[in-house]
Amino acid sequence: MSTSPHAPRDDTELGIANRRFYDSLWADARLIGPQRFNTWPLATELAAGGTTRLEVAPGLRPRMPLDGTVFVDISMQAARCLHAHDATASVGLITALPFADGVFDCVCAFDIVEHVDDDDAALAELARVSAPGAALLLSVPLHEAAWTAFDEAVGHRRRYERADLDAKLARHGFVVERSAVHGMQPSSSRLVDLGMWFLTHQRERAMWWYNRVFMPLGLRAQKPLALQDGWIDDTRIDTVLLICRRVDPPATAPPDTSRTIEDVA
């Protein structure tokens, strides 16, 4: 299965939950440059060819180079902060991206499709804005049996099983070329429970600790990204990073030129 054990929530409800959590998260946070993450060598590899790049929902943790990448996020606060760092940023949803068809050679969506009730609509949009042969970087949480209160708190709709996700990607014209272990969620259930208590009862203090203590520690503890061809053995990992390829051409209909990139003032 690829749905959570909880009652379905529509996109409006999920959008409110996600915006509430992430606006609170970014309210007292600084932007962390993409070079701080273990995905940076991969990002620079993909950027070296001068590709047109889109990153969806980066928050204040972008993974692609700020210069030359287009960013879109649900949080106005995150978009404004990105814009203040001279990045091209706009506010929007993954299910309704404000861009023309087939304009990006590289599309990144780290930790986002699991937040959307209609993930097929999200993947369809990622496919629509991808040029033929484009790379898609996608990270998602795995294994429904690993669902915790953390997933609920951060606005997850589901965790994925490999076969289901592979089939979904194929339906939207993507094949997995490489993969790696990804993510920084604590492995200790006691730490998750403690974090959840603080998020519920002392949210401001929890955000302070996350931004100033746990996030820096997590960055220092990162291991180099170990990419493998195809799917890695996913049986013991919490989150996977997939490098996919857009293998079928976009629809032959004329591009929707009414969609434009609008910077945040």
Protein backbone atom coordinates (compact mmCIF):
# COMPACT_ATOMS: atom_id res chain seq x y z
CA MET A 1 0.00 0.00 0.00
CA SER A 2 1.04 3.63 -0.43
CA THR A 3 -1.47 5.37 1.82
CA SER A 4 -1.23 6.28 5.47
CA PRO A 5 -3.28 4.46 8.12
CA HIS A 6 -5.16 7.70 8.73
CA ALA A 7 -8.32 9.08 7.14
CA PRO A 8 -7.79 10.80 3.79
CA ARG A 9 -7.40 14.57 3.79
CA ASP A 10 -8.15 16.67 0.73
CA ASP A 11 -5.55 18.99 -0.79
CA THR A 12 -7.02 22.04 0.97
CA GLU A 13 -6.71 20.43 4.39
CA LEU A 14 -3.27 19.06 3.62
CA GLY A 15 -2.19 22.44 2.26
CA ILE A 16 -3.25 24.16 5.47
CA ALA A 17 -1.44 21.56 7.60
CA ASN A 18 1.72 21.79 5.52
CA ARG A 19 1.69 25.60 5.36
CA ARG A 20 1.14 25.85 9.12
CA PHE A 21 4.02 23.50 9.89
CA TYR A 22 6.52 24.91 7.40
CA ASP A 23 5.71 28.59 7.89
CA SER A 24 6.37 27.97 11.58
CA LEU A 25 9.57 26.09 10.73
CA TRP A 26 10.90 28.85 8.46
CA ALA A 27 9.75 31.74 10.69
CA ASP A 28 12.96 31.72 12.73
CA ALA A 29 15.29 29.89 10.37
CA ARG A 30 18.09 30.90 8.08
CA LEU A 31 18.57 29.58 4.57
CA ILE A 32 21.08 26.73 4.47
CA GLY A 33 23.04 26.76 1.24
CA PRO A 34 22.84 23.69 -1.00
CA GLN A 35 26.59 23.13 -0.74
CA ARG A 36 26.04 22.05 2.89
CA PHE A 37 24.14 18.91 1.89
CA ASN A 38 25.54 15.60 0.69
CA THR A 39 23.51 16.02 -2.51
CA TRP A 40 25.78 18.89 -3.61
CA PRO A 41 28.17 16.80 -5.79
CA LEU A 42 25.14 15.36 -7.61
CA ALA A 43 23.57 18.81 -7.96
CA THR A 44 26.74 20.32 -9.41
CA GLU A 45 27.09 17.37 -11.78
CA LEU A 46 23.61 17.98 -13.15
CA ALA A 47 24.08 21.76 -13.26
CA ALA A 48 27.41 21.55 -15.10
CA GLY A 49 25.69 21.08 -18.45
CA GLY A 50 23.95 24.44 -18.22
CA THR A 51 20.53 22.83 -17.91
CA THR A 52 17.28 24.60 -17.13
CA ARG A 53 16.49 23.57 -13.56
CA LEU A 54 13.42 23.56 -11.33
CA GLU A 55 13.28 22.70 -7.62
CA VAL A 56 9.84 22.27 -6.10
CA ALA A 57 9.23 22.95 -2.38
CA PRO A 58 12.82 23.64 -1.28
CA GLY A 59 11.77 25.67 1.76
CA LEU A 60 14.98 27.11 3.22
CA ARG A 61 16.88 23.90 2.46
CA PRO A 62 17.45 24.09 -1.33
CA ARG A 63 19.58 21.36 -2.88
CA MET A 64 20.22 22.82 -6.33
CA PRO A 65 22.49 25.84 -6.99
CA LEU A 66 20.72 29.10 -6.20
CA ASP A 67 22.09 30.70 -9.35
CA GLY A 68 20.29 29.41 -12.43
CA THR A 69 17.64 27.30 -10.67
CA VAL A 70 13.97 28.23 -10.58
CA PHE A 71 12.31 27.55 -7.20
CA VAL A 72 8.63 27.26 -6.31
CA ASP A 73 7.33 26.74 -2.77
CA ILE A 74 4.01 26.74 -0.92
CA SER A 75 5.46 29.11 1.72
CA MET A 76 5.56 32.82 0.90
CA GLN A 77 8.14 33.25 3.65
CA ALA A 78 10.46 30.67 2.07
CA ALA A 79 10.02 32.15 -1.40
CA ARG A 80 10.82 35.65 -0.15
CA CYS A 81 13.94 34.42 1.62
CA LEU A 82 15.13 32.63 -1.53
CA HIS A 83 14.43 35.77 -3.53
CA ALA A 84 16.46 37.80 -1.02
CA HIS A 85 19.40 35.50 -1.81
CA ASP A 86 19.08 36.40 -5.51
CA ALA A 87 17.30 33.18 -6.45
CA THR A 88 14.35 33.06 -8.84
CA ALA A 89 11.48 32.04 -6.56
CA SER A 90 7.70 32.00 -6.71
CA VAL A 91 4.79 30.70 -4.67
CA GLY A 92 2.88 27.74 -6.05
CA LEU A 93 1.71 24.16 -5.64
CA ILE A 94 3.25 21.01 -7.05
CA THR A 95 -0.16 20.06 -8.45
CA ALA A 96 -0.41 23.32 -10.44
CA LEU A 97 3.09 24.43 -11.40
CA PRO A 98 3.14 27.90 -13.03
CA PHE A 99 5.40 26.93 -15.92
CA ALA A 100 5.05 25.99 -19.58
CA ASP A 101 5.25 22.41 -20.82
CA GLY A 102 8.63 20.73 -21.27
CA VAL A 103 10.80 23.68 -20.23
CA PHE A 104 13.13 22.06 -17.67
CA ASP A 105 16.01 19.63 -18.25
CA CYS A 106 16.30 18.90 -14.53
CA VAL A 107 13.45 18.82 -12.00
CA CYS A 108 13.93 18.26 -8.26
CA ALA A 109 11.25 17.37 -5.73
CA PHE A 110 12.80 16.47 -2.39
CA ASP A 111 10.37 15.23 0.27
CA ILE A 112 7.22 16.66 -1.30
CA VAL A 113 5.02 14.15 -3.19
CA GLU A 114 4.27 12.31 0.06
CA HIS A 115 2.61 15.53 1.30
CA VAL A 116 0.06 15.65 -1.53
CA ASP A 117 -3.25 13.80 -1.42
CA ASP A 118 -3.26 13.31 -5.21
CA ASP A 119 0.32 12.29 -5.86
CA ASP A 120 -0.56 11.22 -9.40
CA ALA A 121 -1.49 14.84 -10.13
CA ALA A 122 1.84 15.94 -8.64
CA LEU A 123 3.83 13.45 -10.73
CA ALA A 124 1.83 14.44 -13.81
CA GLU A 125 2.86 18.07 -13.28
CA LEU A 126 6.51 17.12 -12.78
CA ALA A 127 6.32 15.15 -16.03
CA ARG A 128 4.53 17.98 -17.86
CA VAL A 129 7.21 20.59 -17.16
CA SER A 130 10.06 18.12 -17.87
CA ALA A 131 11.68 18.15 -21.29
CA PRO A 132 12.24 14.82 -23.09
CA GLY A 133 15.21 13.12 -21.46
CA ALA A 134 15.06 15.36 -18.38
CA ALA A 135 16.39 14.18 -15.04
CA LEU A 136 14.02 13.98 -12.08
CA LEU A 137 15.46 13.95 -8.55
CA LEU A 138 12.84 12.61 -6.20
CA SER A 139 13.11 11.71 -2.52
CA VAL A 140 10.31 9.97 -0.61
CA PRO A 141 9.80 8.10 2.68
CA LEU A 142 9.44 4.34 2.41
CA HIS A 143 7.50 1.53 4.09
CA GLU A 144 4.02 2.05 5.48
CA ALA A 145 4.94 -0.11 8.47
CA ALA A 146 7.44 2.60 9.48
CA TRP A 147 4.70 5.25 9.87
CA THR A 148 5.11 7.32 13.06
CA ALA A 149 3.62 10.42 14.65
CA PHE A 150 6.43 12.32 12.94
CA ASP A 151 4.84 11.60 9.56
CA GLU A 152 1.53 12.98 10.80
CA ALA A 153 3.10 16.10 12.30
CA VAL A 154 5.00 17.11 9.18
CA GLY A 155 1.98 16.63 6.91
CA HIS A 156 2.76 13.32 5.21
CA ARG A 157 -0.10 11.63 3.36
CA ARG A 158 1.69 8.35 2.80
CA ARG A 159 4.85 6.31 2.80
CA TYR A 160 5.69 4.35 -0.34
CA GLU A 161 6.42 0.76 -1.19
CA ARG A 162 8.95 0.26 -3.94
CA ALA A 163 6.69 -1.60 -6.39
CA ASP A 164 3.90 0.96 -6.08
CA LEU A 165 6.22 3.91 -6.57
CA ASP A 166 7.99 2.28 -9.50
CA ALA A 167 4.62 1.70 -11.20
CA LYS A 168 3.51 5.29 -10.58
CA LEU A 169 6.71 6.70 -12.01
CA ALA A 170 6.43 4.49 -15.09
CA ARG A 171 2.86 5.68 -15.72
CA HIS A 172 4.17 9.22 -15.88
CA GLY A 173 7.09 8.43 -18.15
CA PHE A 174 9.92 8.14 -15.63
CA VAL A 175 12.38 5.29 -15.11
CA VAL A 176 14.75 4.96 -12.15
CA GLU A 177 18.41 5.16 -13.21
CA ARG A 178 20.18 5.52 -9.84
CA SER A 179 19.26 5.67 -6.17
CA ALA A 180 20.71 6.24 -2.71
CA VAL A 181 19.82 6.36 0.98
CA HIS A 182 18.58 9.83 1.87
CA GLY A 183 17.13 11.85 4.74
CA MET A 184 17.88 12.86 8.33
CA GLN A 185 14.91 11.58 10.35
CA PRO A 186 16.05 10.25 13.76
CA SER A 187 16.23 6.47 13.88
CA SER A 188 15.36 6.42 17.59
CA SER A 189 11.63 6.20 18.29
CA ARG A 190 12.26 7.86 21.67
CA LEU A 191 13.77 10.91 19.96
CA VAL A 192 10.77 11.06 17.61
CA ASP A 193 8.38 10.86 20.57
CA LEU A 194 10.28 13.59 22.44
CA GLY A 195 10.29 15.81 19.37
CA MET A 196 6.57 15.28 18.91
CA TRP A 197 5.88 16.27 22.52
CA PHE A 198 7.78 19.53 22.05
CA LEU A 199 6.08 20.21 18.70
CA THR A 200 2.69 19.73 20.35
CA HIS A 201 3.29 21.56 23.64
CA GLN A 202 6.19 23.95 23.01
CA ARG A 203 6.33 24.54 19.27
CA GLU A 204 8.50 27.69 19.34
CA ARG A 205 11.11 26.02 21.53
CA ALA A 206 11.01 22.89 19.35
CA MET A 207 11.63 24.95 16.22
CA TRP A 208 14.49 26.80 17.95
CA TRP A 209 16.18 23.51 18.84
CA TYR A 210 15.59 22.08 15.38
CA ASN A 211 17.04 25.08 13.52
CA ARG A 212 19.97 25.77 15.85
CA VAL A 213 20.96 22.37 17.21
CA PHE A 214 19.51 19.32 15.48
CA MET A 215 19.80 20.57 11.90
CA PRO A 216 23.49 21.58 12.28
CA LEU A 217 24.23 18.25 13.95
CA GLY A 218 22.40 16.43 11.18
CA LEU A 219 24.47 18.24 8.55
CA ARG A 220 27.70 17.26 10.28
CA ALA A 221 26.59 13.64 10.56
CA GLN A 222 25.80 13.27 6.86
CA LYS A 223 27.57 10.53 4.99
CA PRO A 224 28.60 10.96 1.35
CA LEU A 225 25.77 10.15 -1.02
CA ALA A 226 26.36 6.57 -2.19
CA LEU A 227 24.55 6.28 -5.52
CA GLN A 228 23.92 2.89 -7.07
CA ASP A 229 22.55 1.89 -10.45
CA GLY A 230 18.84 1.14 -10.36
CA TRP A 231 17.11 0.63 -7.02
CA ILE A 232 19.19 0.12 -3.90
CA ASP A 233 18.16 -2.50 -1.37
CA ASP A 234 15.36 -0.56 0.30
CA THR A 235 14.43 -3.06 3.00
CA ARG A 236 16.21 -1.23 5.83
CA ILE A 237 16.08 2.42 4.78
CA ASP A 238 13.65 5.15 5.76
CA THR A 239 13.95 7.54 2.81
CA VAL A 240 15.25 7.03 -0.71
CA LEU A 241 16.64 9.45 -3.29
CA LEU A 242 15.85 8.47 -6.87
CA ILE A 243 17.46 9.84 -10.02
CA CYS A 244 14.94 9.21 -12.77
CA ARG A 245 14.86 9.89 -16.50
CA ARG A 246 11.92 11.19 -18.53
CA VAL A 247 11.69 8.58 -21.26
CA ASP A 248 8.52 9.40 -23.17
CA PRO A 249 8.02 12.71 -24.99
CA PRO A 250 5.50 15.22 -23.68
CA ALA A 251 2.09 15.48 -25.33
CA THR A 252 2.10 16.94 -28.83
CA ALA A 253 -0.36 19.68 -27.87
CA PRO A 254 1.07 23.23 -28.10
CA PRO A 255 2.70 24.43 -24.88
CA ASP A 256 0.57 26.47 -22.50
CA THR A 257 2.28 29.84 -22.93
CA SER A 258 -0.03 31.46 -20.41
CA ARG A 259 2.05 29.90 -17.63
CA THR A 260 4.97 32.11 -16.71
CA ILE A 261 7.54 32.38 -14.00
CA GLU A 262 6.58 35.17 -11.60
CA ASP A 263 9.22 36.31 -9.14
CA VAL A 264 8.27 37.20 -5.60
CA ALA A 265 8.73 40.92 -5.04
